[in-house]
């Protein structure tokens, strides 16, 4: 499963929430368009674990960056419904990730992520850390851009 991020304006979000636009159709179109959609591939679970200490549980801006937000509709896209962060949550997540020295997470990766089947998709060597760190940096930079724009953000793991 891949974590996808779709910036969205308030008018489009309102249309999706009212049912004036079909959420499944909108997400299908967005997920197929690299100009509309950003992803961190399969690194989302390891990033969440290294930031929150749990594969799924957490709260606050670190959790929001991967698994936070309020549900948007009821359709299960593979790992539950799509979720949406409001601009304040996006800004808080961007600020929090901007403060993280991810290289300092290497030891936690070695102790708690390597060889753990519960951390999707499973990592078995230090090269996996490079993949996770690369995607963390991309997410940090992406969230900073979305926060600057003041947009809402749809998160979908599919």
C-alpha atoms as a PDB file:
ATOM      1  CA  UNK A   1       0.000   0.000   0.000  1.00  0.00           C
ATOM      2  CA  UNK A   2       1.172   3.488  -0.862  1.00  0.00           C
ATOM      3  CA  UNK A   3       0.490   6.729   1.042  1.00  0.00           C
ATOM      4  CA  UNK A   4      -0.892   9.429  -1.251  1.00  0.00           C
ATOM      5  CA  UNK A   5      -1.309  13.146  -0.540  1.00  0.00           C
ATOM      6  CA  UNK A   6      -3.588  15.447  -2.515  1.00  0.00           C
ATOM      7  CA  UNK A   7      -3.695  19.206  -1.801  1.00  0.00           C
ATOM      8  CA  UNK A   8      -7.210  20.525  -2.188  1.00  0.00           C
ATOM      9  CA  UNK A   9      -8.938  23.887  -1.941  1.00  0.00           C
ATOM     10  CA  UNK A  10     -11.889  24.549   0.363  1.00  0.00           C
ATOM     11  CA  UNK A  11     -14.474  24.741  -2.456  1.00  0.00           C
ATOM     12  CA  UNK A  12     -13.545  21.339  -3.896  1.00  0.00           C
ATOM     13  CA  UNK A  13     -13.448  19.816  -0.426  1.00  0.00           C
ATOM     14  CA  UNK A  14     -16.904  21.216   0.351  1.00  0.00           C
ATOM     15  CA  UNK A  15     -18.275  19.768  -2.917  1.00  0.00           C
ATOM     16  CA  UNK A  16     -16.849  16.345  -2.000  1.00  0.00           C
ATOM     17  CA  UNK A  17     -18.288  16.527   1.512  1.00  0.00           C
ATOM     18  CA  UNK A  18     -21.747  17.553   0.233  1.00  0.00           C
ATOM     19  CA  UNK A  19     -21.700  14.798  -2.360  1.00  0.00           C
ATOM     20  CA  UNK A  20     -21.794  17.239  -5.289  1.00  0.00           C
ATOM     21  CA  UNK A  21     -18.622  15.522  -6.536  1.00  0.00           C
ATOM     22  CA  UNK A  22     -17.999  11.794  -6.251  1.00  0.00           C
ATOM     23  CA  UNK A  23     -15.080  11.139  -3.884  1.00  0.00           C
ATOM     24  CA  UNK A  24     -14.042   7.846  -5.463  1.00  0.00           C
ATOM     25  CA  UNK A  25     -13.969   9.390  -8.955  1.00  0.00           C
ATOM     26  CA  UNK A  26     -12.066  12.431  -7.702  1.00  0.00           C
ATOM     27  CA  UNK A  27      -9.442  10.315  -5.929  1.00  0.00           C
ATOM     28  CA  UNK A  28      -9.075   7.967  -8.895  1.00  0.00           C
ATOM     29  CA  UNK A  29      -8.361  10.900 -11.191  1.00  0.00           C
ATOM     30  CA  UNK A  30      -5.993  12.537  -8.679  1.00  0.00           C
ATOM     31  CA  UNK A  31      -4.042   9.343  -7.941  1.00  0.00           C
ATOM     32  CA  UNK A  32      -3.364   8.894 -11.654  1.00  0.00           C
ATOM     33  CA  UNK A  33      -2.079  12.454 -12.079  1.00  0.00           C
ATOM     34  CA  UNK A  34       1.404  13.236 -10.751  1.00  0.00           C
ATOM     35  CA  UNK A  35       0.635  16.960 -10.991  1.00  0.00           C
ATOM     36  CA  UNK A  36      -2.220  16.589  -8.488  1.00  0.00           C
ATOM     37  CA  UNK A  37      -0.891  13.853  -6.251  1.00  0.00           C
ATOM     38  CA  UNK A  38       2.237  13.232  -4.155  1.00  0.00           C
ATOM     39  CA  UNK A  39       3.227   9.918  -2.565  1.00  0.00           C
ATOM     40  CA  UNK A  40       5.800   8.512  -0.165  1.00  0.00           C
ATOM     41  CA  UNK A  41       5.479   5.041  -1.577  1.00  0.00           C
ATOM     42  CA  UNK A  42       5.530   2.287   1.062  1.00  0.00           C
ATOM     43  CA  UNK A  43       7.701   4.188   3.552  1.00  0.00           C
ATOM     44  CA  UNK A  44       4.699   5.594   5.444  1.00  0.00           C
ATOM     45  CA  UNK A  45       4.549   2.909   8.167  1.00  0.00           C
ATOM     46  CA  UNK A  46       8.247   3.113   9.019  1.00  0.00           C
ATOM     47  CA  UNK A  47       8.143   6.926   9.044  1.00  0.00           C
ATOM     48  CA  UNK A  48       5.116   6.852  11.337  1.00  0.00           C
ATOM     49  CA  UNK A  49       6.794   4.359  13.654  1.00  0.00           C
ATOM     50  CA  UNK A  50      10.023   6.341  13.844  1.00  0.00           C
ATOM     51  CA  UNK A  51       8.124   9.567  14.603  1.00  0.00           C
ATOM     52  CA  UNK A  52       5.429   8.176  16.921  1.00  0.00           C
ATOM     53  CA  UNK A  53       6.853   4.936  18.333  1.00  0.00           C
ATOM     54  CA  UNK A  54       3.966   2.855  16.989  1.00  0.00           C
ATOM     55  CA  UNK A  55       2.957   1.534  13.567  1.00  0.00           C
ATOM     56  CA  UNK A  56      -0.520   3.060  13.839  1.00  0.00           C
ATOM     57  CA  UNK A  57      -1.142   4.790  17.170  1.00  0.00           C
ATOM     58  CA  UNK A  58      -0.213   8.381  17.809  1.00  0.00           C
ATOM     59  CA  UNK A  59      -1.442  11.919  18.091  1.00  0.00           C
ATOM     60  CA  UNK A  60      -0.373  15.397  17.220  1.00  0.00           C
ATOM     61  CA  UNK A  61       1.468  16.667  14.179  1.00  0.00           C
ATOM     62  CA  UNK A  62       3.735  13.631  13.641  1.00  0.00           C
ATOM     63  CA  UNK A  63       0.723  11.329  13.533  1.00  0.00           C
ATOM     64  CA  UNK A  64      -1.222  13.805  11.418  1.00  0.00           C
ATOM     65  CA  UNK A  65       1.520  13.787   8.770  1.00  0.00           C
ATOM     66  CA  UNK A  66       0.904  10.093   8.047  1.00  0.00           C
ATOM     67  CA  UNK A  67      -2.351   8.818   9.557  1.00  0.00           C
ATOM     68  CA  UNK A  68      -4.110  11.884  10.930  1.00  0.00           C
ATOM     69  CA  UNK A  69      -7.020  13.983   9.889  1.00  0.00           C
ATOM     70  CA  UNK A  70     -10.726  13.415   9.887  1.00  0.00           C
ATOM     71  CA  UNK A  71     -12.371  10.769   7.709  1.00  0.00           C
ATOM     72  CA  UNK A  72     -13.582  11.926   4.323  1.00  0.00           C
ATOM     73  CA  UNK A  73     -16.435   9.670   3.338  1.00  0.00           C
ATOM     74  CA  UNK A  74     -16.804   6.035   4.283  1.00  0.00           C
ATOM     75  CA  UNK A  75     -15.203   4.282   1.303  1.00  0.00           C
ATOM     76  CA  UNK A  76     -12.296   2.024   2.338  1.00  0.00           C
ATOM     77  CA  UNK A  77      -9.410   2.601  -0.050  1.00  0.00           C
ATOM     78  CA  UNK A  78      -7.284  -0.210   1.362  1.00  0.00           C
ATOM     79  CA  UNK A  79      -6.331   1.112   4.772  1.00  0.00           C
ATOM     80  CA  UNK A  80      -9.563   2.807   5.755  1.00  0.00           C
ATOM     81  CA  UNK A  81     -11.210   5.922   4.395  1.00  0.00           C
ATOM     82  CA  UNK A  82      -9.399   8.884   2.930  1.00  0.00           C
ATOM     83  CA  UNK A  83      -8.721  11.560   5.526  1.00  0.00           C
ATOM     84  CA  UNK A  84      -8.379  15.312   5.366  1.00  0.00           C
ATOM     85  CA  UNK A  85      -6.146  17.715   7.258  1.00  0.00           C
ATOM     86  CA  UNK A  86      -7.203  21.327   7.598  1.00  0.00           C
ATOM     87  CA  UNK A  87      -4.641  24.052   6.815  1.00  0.00           C
ATOM     88  CA  UNK A  88      -3.744  24.470  10.503  1.00  0.00           C
ATOM     89  CA  UNK A  89      -2.996  20.760  10.836  1.00  0.00           C
ATOM     90  CA  UNK A  90      -0.912  20.862   7.653  1.00  0.00           C
ATOM     91  CA  UNK A  91       1.064  23.813   9.012  1.00  0.00           C
ATOM     92  CA  UNK A  92       1.623  22.098  12.377  1.00  0.00           C
ATOM     93  CA  UNK A  93       2.767  18.877  10.696  1.00  0.00           C
ATOM     94  CA  UNK A  94       5.094  20.795   8.372  1.00  0.00           C
ATOM     95  CA  UNK A  95       6.621  22.690  11.296  1.00  0.00           C
ATOM     96  CA  UNK A  96       7.072  19.519  13.369  1.00  0.00           C
ATOM     97  CA  UNK A  97       8.692  17.555  10.534  1.00  0.00           C
ATOM     98  CA  UNK A  98      10.915  20.539   9.774  1.00  0.00           C
ATOM     99  CA  UNK A  99      12.461  20.153  13.241  1.00  0.00           C
ATOM    100  CA  UNK A 100      13.271  16.431  12.943  1.00  0.00           C
ATOM    101  CA  UNK A 101      16.857  15.257  12.510  1.00  0.00           C
ATOM    102  CA  UNK A 102      15.896  12.036  10.801  1.00  0.00           C
ATOM    103  CA  UNK A 103      19.448  10.690  10.782  1.00  0.00           C
ATOM    104  CA  UNK A 104      19.148  10.489  14.584  1.00  0.00           C
ATOM    105  CA  UNK A 105      16.422   7.854  14.046  1.00  0.00           C
ATOM    106  CA  UNK A 106      18.872   5.295  12.601  1.00  0.00           C
ATOM    107  CA  UNK A 107      19.359   3.470  15.904  1.00  0.00           C
ATOM    108  CA  UNK A 108      15.590   3.275  16.496  1.00  0.00           C
ATOM    109  CA  UNK A 109      15.275   1.905  12.964  1.00  0.00           C
ATOM    110  CA  UNK A 110      17.847  -0.797  13.702  1.00  0.00           C
ATOM    111  CA  UNK A 111      16.284  -1.714  17.049  1.00  0.00           C
ATOM    112  CA  UNK A 112      12.584  -1.504  16.256  1.00  0.00           C
ATOM    113  CA  UNK A 113      11.976  -1.593  12.497  1.00  0.00           C
ATOM    114  CA  UNK A 114      14.497  -4.064  11.058  1.00  0.00           C
ATOM    115  CA  UNK A 115      12.979  -7.513  10.837  1.00  0.00           C
ATOM    116  CA  UNK A 116       9.573  -6.440  12.199  1.00  0.00           C
ATOM    117  CA  UNK A 117       6.768  -7.801  10.061  1.00  0.00           C
ATOM    118  CA  UNK A 118       4.364  -5.338  11.715  1.00  0.00           C
ATOM    119  CA  UNK A 119       6.176  -2.398  10.064  1.00  0.00           C
ATOM    120  CA  UNK A 120       4.916  -2.469   6.467  1.00  0.00           C
ATOM    121  CA  UNK A 121       6.325  -3.568   4.040  1.00  0.00           C
ATOM    122  CA  UNK A 122       9.122  -5.136   6.126  1.00  0.00           C
ATOM    123  CA  UNK A 123      12.753  -4.034   6.211  1.00  0.00           C
ATOM    124  CA  UNK A 124      15.741  -6.337   6.466  1.00  0.00           C
ATOM    125  CA  UNK A 125      18.837  -4.136   6.111  1.00  0.00           C
ATOM    126  CA  UNK A 126      20.203  -0.628   6.617  1.00  0.00           C
ATOM    127  CA  UNK A 127      19.524   0.219   2.957  1.00  0.00           C
ATOM    128  CA  UNK A 128      15.871   0.341   3.938  1.00  0.00           C
ATOM    129  CA  UNK A 129      16.675   3.259   6.233  1.00  0.00           C
ATOM    130  CA  UNK A 130      17.982   5.241   3.247  1.00  0.00           C
ATOM    131  CA  UNK A 131      14.667   4.614   1.463  1.00  0.00           C
ATOM    132  CA  UNK A 132      12.674   5.691   4.529  1.00  0.00           C
ATOM    133  CA  UNK A 133      14.839   8.779   5.102  1.00  0.00           C
ATOM    134  CA  UNK A 134      14.574   9.787   1.427  1.00  0.00           C
ATOM    135  CA  UNK A 135      10.776   9.608   1.577  1.00  0.00           C
ATOM    136  CA  UNK A 136      10.694  11.438   4.915  1.00  0.00           C
ATOM    137  CA  UNK A 137      12.676  14.311   3.376  1.00  0.00           C
ATOM    138  CA  UNK A 138      10.345  14.418   0.387  1.00  0.00           C
ATOM    139  CA  UNK A 139       7.301  14.472   2.706  1.00  0.00           C
ATOM    140  CA  UNK A 140       8.823  17.213   4.877  1.00  0.00           C
ATOM    141  CA  UNK A 141       9.467  19.399   1.822  1.00  0.00           C
ATOM    142  CA  UNK A 142       6.048  18.689   0.319  1.00  0.00           C
ATOM    143  CA  UNK A 143       4.214  19.552   3.548  1.00  0.00           C
ATOM    144  CA  UNK A 144       6.167  22.806   3.797  1.00  0.00           C
ATOM    145  CA  UNK A 145       4.961  23.792   0.305  1.00  0.00           C
ATOM    146  CA  UNK A 146       1.333  22.849   1.034  1.00  0.00           C
ATOM    147  CA  UNK A 147       1.458  24.695   4.377  1.00  0.00           C
ATOM    148  CA  UNK A 148       2.763  27.815   2.642  1.00  0.00           C
ATOM    149  CA  UNK A 149      -0.162  27.622   0.194  1.00  0.00           C
ATOM    150  CA  UNK A 150      -2.691  27.285   3.041  1.00  0.00           C
ATOM    151  CA  UNK A 151      -4.373  24.290   1.404  1.00  0.00           C
ATOM    152  CA  UNK A 152      -6.302  21.398   2.868  1.00  0.00           C
ATOM    153  CA  UNK A 153      -4.714  17.980   2.339  1.00  0.00           C
ATOM    154  CA  UNK A 154      -6.317  14.637   1.569  1.00  0.00           C
ATOM    155  CA  UNK A 155      -4.371  11.587   2.782  1.00  0.00           C
ATOM    156  CA  UNK A 156      -5.157   8.178   1.337  1.00  0.00           C
ATOM    157  CA  UNK A 157      -3.368   4.875   1.808  1.00  0.00           C
ATOM    158  CA  UNK A 158      -4.286   2.592  -1.054  1.00  0.00           C
END
